[in-house]
Amino acid sequence: MKAYLTRIAALTAMAFMIGACTAEVRYSPAELSQFPQDVQEHIKKKEVALGMTNTQVRYSWGAPAAVKVMTDESGNITEVWTYTTGRILVNRLYFQDGKLIGETSGTSLKKPLAVSNQNQK
């Protein structure tokens, strides 16, 4: 019985590792081709970069776990997208006018990075 349980545990662990290594593609080549080459490379590598649009970020990271819309005293609207990995790591992405302006990682809300001067389509 002990050997049987050990085998089941080993097979379960292997199945989990194989599943975790499976590449997940969120786009077709035709969809990806509409973006600039550098953005395509970020998406393929599941990276985000300042200046990317919210659509490009969705292609790269998928849908966020939560979206919060904040308005400051001047009427500027900022979307905060939250991505979680388990209960430990939280990534927050900050968007203004549909463009990524900042990213934070950790477990607490931090101020976004300065607005990038990159002009991407």
PDB file of N, CA and C in Angstrom:
ATOM      1  N   MET A   1       0.821  -1.190   0.000  1.00  0.00           N
ATOM      2  CA  MET A   1       0.000   0.000   0.000  1.00  0.00           C
ATOM      3  C   MET A   1       0.870   1.261   0.000  1.00  0.00           C
ATOM      4  N   LYS A   2       1.957   1.243   0.777  1.00  0.00           N
ATOM      5  CA  LYS A   2       2.843   2.395   0.844  1.00  0.00           C
ATOM      6  C   LYS A   2       3.483   2.667  -0.515  1.00  0.00           C
ATOM      7  N   ALA A   3       3.897   1.621  -1.217  1.00  0.00           N
ATOM      8  CA  ALA A   3       4.496   1.775  -2.538  1.00  0.00           C
ATOM      9  C   ALA A   3       3.475   2.357  -3.518  1.00  0.00           C
ATOM     10  N   TYR A   4       2.226   1.929  -3.411  1.00  0.00           N
ATOM     11  CA  TYR A   4       1.156   2.429  -4.269  1.00  0.00           C
ATOM     12  C   TYR A   4       0.960   3.935  -4.048  1.00  0.00           C
ATOM     13  N   LEU A   5       0.914   4.370  -2.802  1.00  0.00           N
ATOM     14  CA  LEU A   5       0.736   5.788  -2.490  1.00  0.00           C
ATOM     15  C   LEU A   5       1.924   6.615  -2.956  1.00  0.00           C
ATOM     16  N   THR A   6       3.116   6.038  -2.847  1.00  0.00           N
ATOM     17  CA  THR A   6       4.312   6.732  -3.317  1.00  0.00           C
ATOM     18  C   THR A   6       4.246   6.930  -4.819  1.00  0.00           C
ATOM     19  N   ARG A   7       3.805   5.916  -5.550  1.00  0.00           N
ATOM     20  CA  ARG A   7       3.670   6.023  -7.010  1.00  0.00           C
ATOM     21  C   ARG A   7       2.625   7.065  -7.385  1.00  0.00           C
ATOM     22  N   ILE A   8       1.505   7.058  -6.681  1.00  0.00           N
ATOM     23  CA  ILE A   8       0.443   8.039  -6.956  1.00  0.00           C
ATOM     24  C   ILE A   8       0.967   9.457  -6.716  1.00  0.00           C
ATOM     25  N   ALA A   9       1.696   9.648  -5.623  1.00  0.00           N
ATOM     26  CA  ALA A   9       2.247  10.964  -5.316  1.00  0.00           C
ATOM     27  C   ALA A   9       3.243  11.402  -6.392  1.00  0.00           C
ATOM     28  N   ALA A  10       4.088  10.485  -6.842  1.00  0.00           N
ATOM     29  CA  ALA A  10       5.074  10.802  -7.875  1.00  0.00           C
ATOM     30  C   ALA A  10       4.385  11.139  -9.194  1.00  0.00           C
ATOM     31  N   LEU A  11       3.362  10.386  -9.576  1.00  0.00           N
ATOM     32  CA  LEU A  11       2.634  10.658 -10.814  1.00  0.00           C
ATOM     33  C   LEU A  11       1.897  11.996 -10.736  1.00  0.00           C
ATOM     34  N   THR A  12       1.343  12.296  -9.597  1.00  0.00           N
ATOM     35  CA  THR A  12       0.652  13.578  -9.413  1.00  0.00           C
ATOM     36  C   THR A  12       1.628  14.735  -9.551  1.00  0.00           C
ATOM     37  N   ALA A  13       2.804  14.601  -8.934  1.00  0.00           N
ATOM     38  CA  ALA A  13       3.824  15.647  -9.030  1.00  0.00           C
ATOM     39  C   ALA A  13       4.284  15.824 -10.473  1.00  0.00           C
ATOM     40  N   MET A  14       4.472  14.731 -11.191  1.00  0.00           N
ATOM     41  CA  MET A  14       4.892  14.810 -12.591  1.00  0.00           C
ATOM     42  C   MET A  14       3.824  15.484 -13.435  1.00  0.00           C
ATOM     43  N   ALA A  15       2.577  15.128 -13.220  1.00  0.00           N
ATOM     44  CA  ALA A  15       1.483  15.736 -13.977  1.00  0.00           C
ATOM     45  C   ALA A  15       1.418  17.230 -13.713  1.00  0.00           C
ATOM     46  N   PHE A  16       1.619  17.639 -12.466  1.00  0.00           N
ATOM     47  CA  PHE A  16       1.618  19.058 -12.129  1.00  0.00           C
ATOM     48  C   PHE A  16       2.753  19.780 -12.830  1.00  0.00           C
ATOM     49  N   MET A  17       3.958  19.199 -12.821  1.00  0.00           N
ATOM     50  CA  MET A  17       5.106  19.840 -13.453  1.00  0.00           C
ATOM     51  C   MET A  17       4.914  19.949 -14.956  1.00  0.00           C
ATOM     52  N   ILE A  18       4.375  18.927 -15.579  1.00  0.00           N
ATOM     53  CA  ILE A  18       4.134  18.962 -17.020  1.00  0.00           C
ATOM     54  C   ILE A  18       3.099  20.032 -17.336  1.00  0.00           C
ATOM     55  N   GLY A  19       2.031  20.090 -16.551  1.00  0.00           N
ATOM     56  CA  GLY A  19       0.994  21.095 -16.755  1.00  0.00           C
ATOM     57  C   GLY A  19       1.515  22.496 -16.562  1.00  0.00           C
ATOM     58  N   ALA A  20       2.402  22.689 -15.606  1.00  0.00           N
ATOM     59  CA  ALA A  20       2.957  24.013 -15.339  1.00  0.00           C
ATOM     60  C   ALA A  20       3.905  24.458 -16.442  1.00  0.00           C
ATOM     61  N   CYS A  21       4.443  23.522 -17.209  1.00  0.00           N
ATOM     62  CA  CYS A  21       5.390  23.866 -18.259  1.00  0.00           C
ATOM     63  C   CYS A  21       4.735  24.015 -19.621  1.00  0.00           C
ATOM     64  N   THR A  22       3.449  23.773 -19.704  1.00  0.00           N
ATOM     65  CA  THR A  22       2.754  23.867 -20.976  1.00  0.00           C
ATOM     66  C   THR A  22       2.669  25.319 -21.408  1.00  0.00           C
ATOM     67  N   ALA A  23       3.065  25.593 -22.651  1.00  0.00           N
ATOM     68  CA  ALA A  23       3.005  26.961 -23.164  1.00  0.00           C
ATOM     69  C   ALA A  23       1.556  27.321 -23.468  1.00  0.00           C
ATOM     70  N   GLU A  24       1.132  28.457 -22.960  1.00  0.00           N
ATOM     71  CA  GLU A  24      -0.217  28.938 -23.196  1.00  0.00           C
ATOM     72  C   GLU A  24      -0.138  30.108 -24.167  1.00  0.00           C
ATOM     73  N   VAL A  25      -0.803  29.980 -25.300  1.00  0.00           N
ATOM     74  CA  VAL A  25      -0.787  31.034 -26.306  1.00  0.00           C
ATOM     75  C   VAL A  25      -2.141  31.726 -26.283  1.00  0.00           C
ATOM     76  N   ARG A  26      -2.121  33.066 -26.134  1.00  0.00           N
ATOM     77  CA  ARG A  26      -3.346  33.843 -26.024  1.00  0.00           C
ATOM     78  C   ARG A  26      -3.650  34.616 -27.304  1.00  0.00           C
ATOM     79  N   TYR A  27      -2.977  34.305 -28.402  1.00  0.00           N
ATOM     80  CA  TYR A  27      -3.107  35.100 -29.611  1.00  0.00           C
ATOM     81  C   TYR A  27      -2.785  34.238 -30.823  1.00  0.00           C
ATOM     82  N   SER A  28      -3.237  34.693 -31.979  1.00  0.00           N
ATOM     83  CA  SER A  28      -2.864  34.043 -33.233  1.00  0.00           C
ATOM     84  C   SER A  28      -1.751  34.879 -33.875  1.00  0.00           C
ATOM     85  N   PRO A  29      -1.009  34.306 -34.786  1.00  0.00           N
ATOM     86  CA  PRO A  29       0.029  35.084 -35.472  1.00  0.00           C
ATOM     87  C   PRO A  29      -0.541  36.331 -36.167  1.00  0.00           C
ATOM     88  N   ALA A  30      -1.744  36.225 -36.703  1.00  0.00           N
ATOM     89  CA  ALA A  30      -2.364  37.379 -37.369  1.00  0.00           C
ATOM     90  C   ALA A  30      -2.650  38.499 -36.373  1.00  0.00           C
ATOM     91  N   GLU A  31      -3.121  38.140 -35.187  1.00  0.00           N
ATOM     92  CA  GLU A  31      -3.384  39.154 -34.166  1.00  0.00           C
ATOM     93  C   GLU A  31      -2.090  39.828 -33.730  1.00  0.00           C
ATOM     94  N   LEU A  32      -1.069  39.037 -33.545  1.00  0.00           N
ATOM     95  CA  LEU A  32       0.214  39.556 -33.081  1.00  0.00           C
ATOM     96  C   LEU A  32       0.863  40.472 -34.112  1.00  0.00           C
ATOM     97  N   SER A  33       0.659  40.188 -35.394  1.00  0.00           N
ATOM     98  CA  SER A  33       1.328  40.953 -36.458  1.00  0.00           C
ATOM     99  C   SER A  33       0.867  42.405 -36.536  1.00  0.00           C
ATOM    100  N   GLN A  34      -0.239  42.741 -35.900  1.00  0.00           N
ATOM    101  CA  GLN A  34      -0.721  44.129 -35.939  1.00  0.00           C
ATOM    102  C   GLN A  34       0.080  45.066 -35.032  1.00  0.00           C
ATOM    103  N   PHE A  35       0.952  44.510 -34.181  1.00  0.00           N
ATOM    104  CA  PHE A  35       1.723  45.304 -33.237  1.00  0.00           C
ATOM    105  C   PHE A  35       3.147  45.504 -33.731  1.00  0.00           C
ATOM    106  N   PRO A  36       3.837  46.560 -33.236  1.00  0.00           N
ATOM    107  CA  PRO A  36       5.247  46.756 -33.588  1.00  0.00           C
ATOM    108  C   PRO A  36       6.089  45.542 -33.166  1.00  0.00           C
ATOM    109  N   GLN A  37       7.207  45.341 -33.828  1.00  0.00           N
ATOM    110  CA  GLN A  37       8.045  44.161 -33.590  1.00  0.00           C
ATOM    111  C   GLN A  37       8.489  44.038 -32.140  1.00  0.00           C
ATOM    112  N   ASP A  38       8.884  45.156 -31.500  1.00  0.00           N
ATOM    113  CA  ASP A  38       9.339  45.065 -30.109  1.00  0.00           C
ATOM    114  C   ASP A  38       8.207  44.633 -29.178  1.00  0.00           C
ATOM    115  N   VAL A  39       6.999  45.078 -29.450  1.00  0.00           N
ATOM    116  CA  VAL A  39       5.848  44.665 -28.637  1.00  0.00           C
ATOM    117  C   VAL A  39       5.556  43.182 -28.870  1.00  0.00           C
ATOM    118  N   GLN A  40       5.670  42.730 -30.115  1.00  0.00           N
ATOM    119  CA  GLN A  40       5.473  41.305 -30.408  1.00  0.00           C
ATOM    120  C   GLN A  40       6.434  40.451 -29.594  1.00  0.00           C
ATOM    121  N   GLU A  41       7.693  40.882 -29.507  1.00  0.00           N
ATOM    122  CA  GLU A  41       8.692  40.125 -28.748  1.00  0.00           C
ATOM    123  C   GLU A  41       8.343  40.097 -27.263  1.00  0.00           C
ATOM    124  N   HIS A  42       7.893  41.223 -26.720  1.00  0.00           N
ATOM    125  CA  HIS A  42       7.477  41.246 -25.315  1.00  0.00           C
ATOM    126  C   HIS A  42       6.323  40.271 -25.082  1.00  0.00           C
ATOM    127  N   ILE A  43       5.358  40.271 -25.964  1.00  0.00           N
ATOM    128  CA  ILE A  43       4.198  39.382 -25.814  1.00  0.00           C
ATOM    129  C   ILE A  43       4.636  37.927 -25.877  1.00  0.00           C
ATOM    130  N   LYS A  44       5.483  37.582 -26.830  1.00  0.00           N
ATOM    131  CA  LYS A  44       5.957  36.207 -26.957  1.00  0.00           C
ATOM    132  C   LYS A  44       6.689  35.736 -25.705  1.00  0.00           C
ATOM    133  N   LYS A  45       7.398  36.664 -25.043  1.00  0.00           N
ATOM    134  CA  LYS A  45       8.154  36.338 -23.834  1.00  0.00           C
ATOM    135  C   LYS A  45       7.321  36.516 -22.561  1.00  0.00           C
ATOM    136  N   LYS A  46       6.034  36.859 -22.717  1.00  0.00           N
ATOM    137  CA  LYS A  46       5.131  37.123 -21.582  1.00  0.00           C
ATOM    138  C   LYS A  46       5.671  38.234 -20.695  1.00  0.00           C
ATOM    139  N   GLU A  47       6.162  39.276 -21.338  1.00  0.00           N
ATOM    140  CA  GLU A  47       6.674  40.453 -20.647  1.00  0.00           C
ATOM    141  C   GLU A  47       5.752  41.632 -20.913  1.00  0.00           C
ATOM    142  N   VAL A  48       5.827  42.630 -20.047  1.00  0.00           N
ATOM    143  CA  VAL A  48       5.135  43.890 -20.299  1.00  0.00           C
ATOM    144  C   VAL A  48       6.180  45.003 -20.289  1.00  0.00           C
ATOM    145  N   ALA A  49       5.877  46.098 -20.983  1.00  0.00           N
ATOM    146  CA  ALA A  49       6.797  47.232 -21.048  1.00  0.00           C
ATOM    147  C   ALA A  49       5.985  48.522 -21.029  1.00  0.00           C
ATOM    148  N   LEU A  50       6.572  49.558 -20.457  1.00  0.00           N
ATOM    149  CA  LEU A  50       5.906  50.849 -20.426  1.00  0.00           C
ATOM    150  C   LEU A  50       5.504  51.254 -21.840  1.00  0.00           C
ATOM    151  N   GLY A  51       4.314  51.814 -21.957  1.00  0.00           N
ATOM    152  CA  GLY A  51       3.814  52.250 -23.257  1.00  0.00           C
ATOM    153  C   GLY A  51       2.931  51.230 -23.953  1.00  0.00           C
ATOM    154  N   MET A  52       2.959  49.969 -23.507  1.00  0.00           N
ATOM    155  CA  MET A  52       2.082  48.963 -24.110  1.00  0.00           C
ATOM    156  C   MET A  52       0.625  49.329 -23.815  1.00  0.00           C
ATOM    157  N   THR A  53      -0.269  48.970 -24.739  1.00  0.00           N
ATOM    158  CA  THR A  53      -1.690  49.217 -24.522  1.00  0.00           C
ATOM    159  C   THR A  53      -2.264  48.126 -23.631  1.00  0.00           C
ATOM    160  N   ASN A  54      -3.465  48.372 -23.105  1.00  0.00           N
ATOM    161  CA  ASN A  54      -4.089  47.341 -22.274  1.00  0.00           C
ATOM    162  C   ASN A  54      -4.379  46.077 -23.090  1.00  0.00           C
ATOM    163  N   THR A  55      -4.671  46.224 -24.362  1.00  0.00           N
ATOM    164  CA  THR A  55      -4.880  45.042 -25.211  1.00  0.00           C
ATOM    165  C   THR A  55      -3.599  44.232 -25.345  1.00  0.00           C
ATOM    166  N   GLN A  56      -2.482  44.900 -25.566  1.00  0.00           N
ATOM    167  CA  GLN A  56      -1.193  44.210 -25.692  1.00  0.00           C
ATOM    168  C   GLN A  56      -0.829  43.496 -24.395  1.00  0.00           C
ATOM    169  N   VAL A  57      -1.105  44.133 -23.258  1.00  0.00           N
ATOM    170  CA  VAL A  57      -0.824  43.512 -21.965  1.00  0.00           C
ATOM    171  C   VAL A  57      -1.694  42.274 -21.783  1.00  0.00           C
ATOM    172  N   ARG A  58      -2.958  42.331 -22.194  1.00  0.00           N
ATOM    173  CA  ARG A  58      -3.827  41.140 -22.096  1.00  0.00           C
ATOM    174  C   ARG A  58      -3.277  39.994 -22.930  1.00  0.00           C
ATOM    175  N   TYR A  59      -2.752  40.303 -24.120  1.00  0.00           N
ATOM    176  CA  TYR A  59      -2.134  39.252 -24.928  1.00  0.00           C
ATOM    177  C   TYR A  59      -0.930  38.658 -24.214  1.00  0.00           C
ATOM    178  N   SER A  60      -0.181  39.479 -23.512  1.00  0.00           N
ATOM    179  CA  SER A  60       1.035  39.021 -22.853  1.00  0.00           C
ATOM    180  C   SER A  60       0.754  38.282 -21.546  1.00  0.00           C
ATOM    181  N   TRP A  61      -0.055  38.871 -20.673  1.00  0.00           N
ATOM    182  CA  TRP A  61      -0.268  38.314 -19.336  1.00  0.00           C
ATOM    183  C   TRP A  61      -1.656  37.727 -19.125  1.00  0.00           C
ATOM    184  N   GLY A  62      -2.567  37.922 -20.044  1.00  0.00           N
ATOM    185  CA  GLY A  62      -3.933  37.446 -19.844  1.00  0.00           C
ATOM    186  C   GLY A  62      -4.742  38.449 -19.038  1.00  0.00           C
ATOM    187  N   ALA A  63      -5.921  38.023 -18.642  1.00  0.00           N
ATOM    188  CA  ALA A  63      -6.821  38.902 -17.896  1.00  0.00           C
ATOM    189  C   ALA A  63      -6.334  39.074 -16.461  1.00  0.00           C
ATOM    190  N   PRO A  64      -6.461  40.271 -15.915  1.00  0.00           N
ATOM    191  CA  PRO A  64      -6.057  40.481 -14.519  1.00  0.00           C
ATOM    192  C   PRO A  64      -7.055  39.854 -13.559  1.00  0.00           C
ATOM    193  N   ALA A  65      -6.611  39.624 -12.331  1.00  0.00           N
ATOM    194  CA  ALA A  65      -7.508  39.094 -11.299  1.00  0.00           C
ATOM    195  C   ALA A  65      -8.498  40.161 -10.854  1.00  0.00           C
ATOM    196  N   ALA A  66      -8.070  41.428 -10.902  1.00  0.00           N
ATOM    197  CA  ALA A  66      -8.937  42.534 -10.481  1.00  0.00           C
ATOM    198  C   ALA A  66      -8.543  43.794 -11.228  1.00  0.00           C
ATOM    199  N   VAL A  67      -9.522  44.666 -11.436  1.00  0.00           N
ATOM    200  CA  VAL A  67      -9.286  45.973 -12.041  1.00  0.00           C
ATOM    201  C   VAL A  67      -9.944  47.016 -11.155  1.00  0.00           C
ATOM    202  N   LYS A  68      -9.168  48.050 -10.823  1.00  0.00           N
ATOM    203  CA  LYS A  68      -9.693  49.156 -10.021  1.00  0.00           C
ATOM    204  C   LYS A  68      -9.494  50.438 -10.821  1.00  0.00           C
ATOM    205  N   VAL A  69     -10.527  51.275 -10.870  1.00  0.00           N
ATOM    206  CA  VAL A  69     -10.441  52.552 -11.573  1.00  0.00           C
ATOM    207  C   VAL A  69     -10.424  53.655 -10.534  1.00  0.00           C
ATOM    208  N   MET A  70      -9.380  54.500 -10.613  1.00  0.00           N
ATOM    209  CA  MET A  70      -9.231  55.590  -9.652  1.00  0.00           C
ATOM    210  C   MET A  70      -9.208  56.920 -10.409  1.00  0.00           C
ATOM    211  N   THR A  71      -9.778  57.951  -9.793  1.00  0.00           N
ATOM    212  CA  THR A  71      -9.757  59.297 -10.351  1.00  0.00           C
ATOM    213  C   THR A  71      -9.138  60.235  -9.322  1.00  0.00           C
ATOM    214  N   ASP A  72      -8.126  61.004  -9.755  1.00  0.00           N
ATOM    215  CA  ASP A  72      -7.502  61.944  -8.818  1.00  0.00           C
ATOM    216  C   ASP A  72      -8.254  63.280  -8.819  1.00  0.00           C
ATOM    217  N   GLU A  73      -7.757  64.248  -8.030  1.00  0.00           N
ATOM    218  CA  GLU A  73      -8.411  65.543  -7.884  1.00  0.00           C
ATOM    219  C   GLU A  73      -8.524  66.294  -9.205  1.00  0.00           C
ATOM    220  N   SER A  74      -7.577  66.054 -10.122  1.00  0.00           N
ATOM    221  CA  SER A  74      -7.569  66.745 -11.417  1.00  0.00           C
ATOM    222  C   SER A  74      -8.452  66.062 -12.450  1.00  0.00           C
ATOM    223  N   GLY A  75      -9.043  64.934 -12.078  1.00  0.00           N
ATOM    224  CA  GLY A  75      -9.896  64.205 -13.015  1.00  0.00           C
ATOM    225  C   GLY A  75      -9.166  63.172 -13.848  1.00  0.00           C
ATOM    226  N   ASN A  76      -7.867  62.971 -13.587  1.00  0.00           N
ATOM    227  CA  ASN A  76      -7.108  61.948 -14.311  1.00  0.00           C
ATOM    228  C   ASN A  76      -7.550  60.568 -13.857  1.00  0.00           C
ATOM    229  N   ILE A  77      -7.812  59.709 -14.817  1.00  0.00           N
ATOM    230  CA  ILE A  77      -8.276  58.354 -14.515  1.00  0.00           C
ATOM    231  C   ILE A  77      -7.116  57.383 -14.660  1.00  0.00           C
ATOM    232  N   THR A  78      -6.906  56.576 -13.639  1.00  0.00           N
ATOM    233  CA  THR A  78      -5.884  55.529 -13.660  1.00  0.00           C
ATOM    234  C   THR A  78      -6.554  54.193 -13.404  1.00  0.00           C
ATOM    235  N   GLU A  79      -6.275  53.228 -14.279  1.00  0.00           N
ATOM    236  CA  GLU A  79      -6.727  51.852 -14.065  1.00  0.00           C
ATOM    237  C   GLU A  79      -5.587  51.095 -13.407  1.00  0.00           C
ATOM    238  N   VAL A  80      -5.909  50.331 -12.367  1.00  0.00           N
ATOM    239  CA  VAL A  80      -4.917  49.502 -11.694  1.00  0.00           C
ATOM    240  C   VAL A  80      -5.333  48.049 -11.913  1.00  0.00           C
ATOM    241  N   TRP A  81      -4.499  47.324 -12.644  1.00  0.00           N
ATOM    242  CA  TRP A  81      -4.749  45.908 -12.898  1.00  0.00           C
ATOM    243  C   TRP A  81      -3.914  45.105 -11.918  1.00  0.00           C
ATOM    244  N   THR A  82      -4.535  44.158 -11.244  1.00  0.00           N
ATOM    245  CA  THR A  82      -3.843  43.330 -10.267  1.00  0.00           C
ATOM    246  C   THR A  82      -3.753  41.892 -10.767  1.00  0.00           C
ATOM    247  N   TYR A  83      -2.543  41.374 -10.762  1.00  0.00           N
ATOM    248  CA  TYR A  83      -2.261  39.977 -11.094  1.00  0.00           C
ATOM    249  C   TYR A  83      -1.688  39.333  -9.839  1.00  0.00           C
ATOM    250  N   THR A  84      -2.159  38.144  -9.510  1.00  0.00           N
ATOM    251  CA  THR A  84      -1.657  37.460  -8.323  1.00  0.00           C
ATOM    252  C   THR A  84      -1.063  36.114  -8.691  1.00  0.00           C
ATOM    253  N   THR A  85      -0.035  35.743  -7.944  1.00  0.00           N
ATOM    254  CA  THR A  85       0.579  34.423  -8.057  1.00  0.00           C
ATOM    255  C   THR A  85       0.450  33.795  -6.687  1.00  0.00           C
ATOM    256  N   GLY A  86      -0.501  32.885  -6.557  1.00  0.00           N
ATOM    257  CA  GLY A  86      -0.769  32.325  -5.244  1.00  0.00           C
ATOM    258  C   GLY A  86      -1.212  33.434  -4.312  1.00  0.00           C
ATOM    259  N   ARG A  87      -0.813  33.360  -3.067  1.00  0.00           N
ATOM    260  CA  ARG A  87      -1.145  34.410  -2.110  1.00  0.00           C
ATOM    261  C   ARG A  87       0.074  35.245  -1.750  1.00  0.00           C
ATOM    262  N   ILE A  88       1.187  34.977  -2.429  1.00  0.00           N
ATOM    263  CA  ILE A  88       2.436  35.612  -2.029  1.00  0.00           C
ATOM    264  C   ILE A  88       2.750  36.846  -2.874  1.00  0.00           C
ATOM    265  N   LEU A  89       2.771  36.704  -4.171  1.00  0.00           N
ATOM    266  CA  LEU A  89       3.232  37.779  -5.039  1.00  0.00           C
ATOM    267  C   LEU A  89       2.061  38.486  -5.707  1.00  0.00           C
ATOM    268  N   VAL A  90       2.091  39.798  -5.669  1.00  0.00           N
ATOM    269  CA  VAL A  90       1.075  40.616  -6.327  1.00  0.00           C
ATOM    270  C   VAL A  90       1.791  41.559  -7.287  1.00  0.00           C
ATOM    271  N   ASN A  91       1.363  41.573  -8.536  1.00  0.00           N
ATOM    272  CA  ASN A  91       1.863  42.532  -9.519  1.00  0.00           C
ATOM    273  C   ASN A  91       0.725  43.473  -9.862  1.00  0.00           C
ATOM    274  N   ARG A  92       1.022  44.766  -9.844  1.00  0.00           N
ATOM    275  CA  ARG A  92       0.021  45.752 -10.216  1.00  0.00           C
ATOM    276  C   ARG A  92       0.536  46.540 -11.408  1.00  0.00           C
ATOM    277  N   LEU A  93      -0.341  46.703 -12.394  1.00  0.00           N
ATOM    278  CA  LEU A  93      -0.024  47.487 -13.579  1.00  0.00           C
ATOM    279  C   LEU A  93      -0.923  48.715 -13.581  1.00  0.00           C
ATOM    280  N   TYR A  94      -0.349  49.869 -13.937  1.00  0.00           N
ATOM    281  CA  TYR A  94      -1.056  51.144 -13.909  1.00  0.00           C
ATOM    282  C   TYR A  94      -1.201  51.671 -15.332  1.00  0.00           C
ATOM    283  N   PHE A  95      -2.434  51.986 -15.717  1.00  0.00           N
ATOM    284  CA  PHE A  95      -2.727  52.476 -17.060  1.00  0.00           C
ATOM    285  C   PHE A  95      -3.367  53.855 -16.999  1.00  0.00           C
ATOM    286  N   GLN A  96      -2.956  54.725 -17.915  1.00  0.00           N
ATOM    287  CA  GLN A  96      -3.636  55.992 -18.143  1.00  0.00           C
ATOM    288  C   GLN A  96      -3.804  56.132 -19.648  1.00  0.00           C
ATOM    289  N   ASP A  97      -4.988  56.543 -20.053  1.00  0.00           N
ATOM    290  CA  ASP A  97      -5.305  56.699 -21.480  1.00  0.00           C
ATOM    291  C   ASP A  97      -5.000  55.426 -22.264  1.00  0.00           C
ATOM    292  N   GLY A  98      -5.225  54.265 -21.649  1.00  0.00           N
ATOM    293  CA  GLY A  98      -5.041  52.990 -22.334  1.00  0.00           C
ATOM    294  C   GLY A  98      -3.599  52.539 -22.485  1.00  0.00           C
ATOM    295  N   LYS A  99      -2.643  53.251 -21.877  1.00  0.00           N
ATOM    296  CA  LYS A  99      -1.222  52.899 -21.978  1.00  0.00           C
ATOM    297  C   LYS A  99      -0.652  52.559 -20.611  1.00  0.00           C
ATOM    298  N   LEU A 100       0.243  51.581 -20.580  1.00  0.00           N
ATOM    299  CA  LEU A 100       0.910  51.175 -19.347  1.00  0.00           C
ATOM    300  C   LEU A 100       1.907  52.262 -18.922  1.00  0.00           C
ATOM    301  N   ILE A 101       1.703  52.798 -17.701  1.00  0.00           N
ATOM    302  CA  ILE A 101       2.589  53.859 -17.213  1.00  0.00           C
ATOM    303  C   ILE A 101       3.435  53.412 -16.033  1.00  0.00           C
ATOM    304  N   GLY A 102       3.119  52.259 -15.420  1.00  0.00           N
ATOM    305  CA  GLY A 102       3.904  51.812 -14.278  1.00  0.00           C
ATOM    306  C   GLY A 102       3.565  50.400 -13.869  1.00  0.00           C
ATOM    307  N   GLU A 103       4.477  49.812 -13.096  1.00  0.00           N
ATOM    308  CA  GLU A 103       4.331  48.441 -12.621  1.00  0.00           C
ATOM    309  C   GLU A 103       4.943  48.347 -11.240  1.00  0.00           C
ATOM    310  N   THR A 104       4.280  47.642 -10.341  1.00  0.00           N
ATOM    311  CA  THR A 104       4.860  47.351  -9.033  1.00  0.00           C
ATOM    312  C   THR A 104       4.714  45.868  -8.758  1.00  0.00           C
ATOM    313  N   SER A 105       5.634  45.348  -7.971  1.00  0.00           N
ATOM    314  CA  SER A 105       5.578  43.954  -7.536  1.00  0.00           C
ATOM    315  C   SER A 105       5.719  43.925  -6.032  1.00  0.00           C
ATOM    316  N   GLY A 106       5.108  42.963  -5.420  1.00  0.00           N
ATOM    317  CA  GLY A 106       5.200  42.818  -3.977  1.00  0.00           C
ATOM    318  C   GLY A 106       3.830  42.545  -3.391  1.00  0.00           C
ATOM    319  N   THR A 107       3.693  42.833  -2.130  1.00  0.00           N
ATOM    320  CA  THR A 107       2.430  42.565  -1.465  1.00  0.00           C
ATOM    321  C   THR A 107       1.721  43.828  -1.015  1.00  0.00           C
ATOM    322  N   SER A 108       2.303  45.002  -1.280  1.00  0.00           N
ATOM    323  CA  SER A 108       1.648  46.246  -0.885  1.00  0.00           C
ATOM    324  C   SER A 108       1.549  47.187  -2.071  1.00  0.00           C
ATOM    325  N   LEU A 109       0.572  48.062  -2.039  1.00  0.00           N
ATOM    326  CA  LEU A 109       0.378  49.022  -3.111  1.00  0.00           C
ATOM    327  C   LEU A 109       1.447  50.112  -3.022  1.00  0.00           C
ATOM    328  N   LYS A 110       2.156  50.311  -4.108  1.00  0.00           N
ATOM    329  CA  LYS A 110       3.185  51.342  -4.176  1.00  0.00           C
ATOM    330  C   LYS A 110       2.785  52.347  -5.245  1.00  0.00           C
ATOM    331  N   LYS A 111       3.446  53.487  -5.249  1.00  0.00           N
ATOM    332  CA  LYS A 111       3.170  54.485  -6.273  1.00  0.00           C
ATOM    333  C   LYS A 111       3.684  53.977  -7.611  1.00  0.00           C
ATOM    334  N   PRO A 112       2.992  54.309  -8.709  1.00  0.00           N
ATOM    335  CA  PRO A 112       3.458  53.865 -10.028  1.00  0.00           C
ATOM    336  C   PRO A 112       4.735  54.568 -10.440  1.00  0.00           C
ATOM    337  N   LEU A 113       5.408  53.960 -11.399  1.00  0.00           N
ATOM    338  CA  LEU A 113       6.611  54.568 -11.955  1.00  0.00           C
ATOM    339  C   LEU A 113       6.245  55.830 -12.714  1.00  0.00           C
ATOM    340  N   ALA A 114       7.215  56.643 -13.011  1.00  0.00           N
ATOM    341  CA  ALA A 114       6.973  57.867 -13.773  1.00  0.00           C
ATOM    342  C   ALA A 114       6.450  57.516 -15.166  1.00  0.00           C
ATOM    343  N   VAL A 115       5.683  58.390 -15.732  1.00  0.00           N
ATOM    344  CA  VAL A 115       5.125  58.175 -17.068  1.00  0.00           C
ATOM    345  C   VAL A 115       6.261  58.105 -18.063  1.00  0.00           C
ATOM    346  N   SER A 116       6.201  57.116 -18.933  1.00  0.00           N
ATOM    347  CA  SER A 116       7.237  56.923 -19.944  1.00  0.00           C
ATOM    348  C   SER A 116       7.032  57.907 -21.101  1.00  0.00           C
ATOM    349  N   ASN A 117       8.113  58.295 -21.737  1.00  0.00           N
ATOM    350  CA  ASN A 117       8.029  59.146 -22.917  1.00  0.00           C
ATOM    351  C   ASN A 117       7.979  58.346 -24.195  1.00  0.00           C
ATOM    352  N   GLN A 118       7.846  57.020 -24.069  1.00  0.00           N
ATOM    353  CA  GLN A 118       7.798  56.178 -25.259  1.00  0.00           C
ATOM    354  C   GLN A 118       6.483  56.427 -25.978  1.00  0.00           C
ATOM    355  N   ASN A 119       6.551  56.501 -27.289  1.00  0.00           N
ATOM    356  CA  ASN A 119       5.338  56.642 -28.102  1.00  0.00           C
ATOM    357  C   ASN A 119       5.160  55.374 -28.904  1.00  0.00           C
ATOM    358  N   GLN A 120       4.315  54.493 -28.417  1.00  0.00           N
ATOM    359  CA  GLN A 120       4.041  53.248 -29.127  1.00  0.00           C
ATOM    360  C   GLN A 120       2.620  53.284 -29.628  1.00  0.00           C
ATOM    361  N   LYS A 121       2.390  52.564 -30.698  1.00  0.00           N
ATOM    362  CA  LYS A 121       1.051  52.500 -31.296  1.00  0.00           C
ATOM    363  C   LYS A 121       0.198  51.501 -30.599  1.00  0.00           C
TER     364      LYS A 121
END
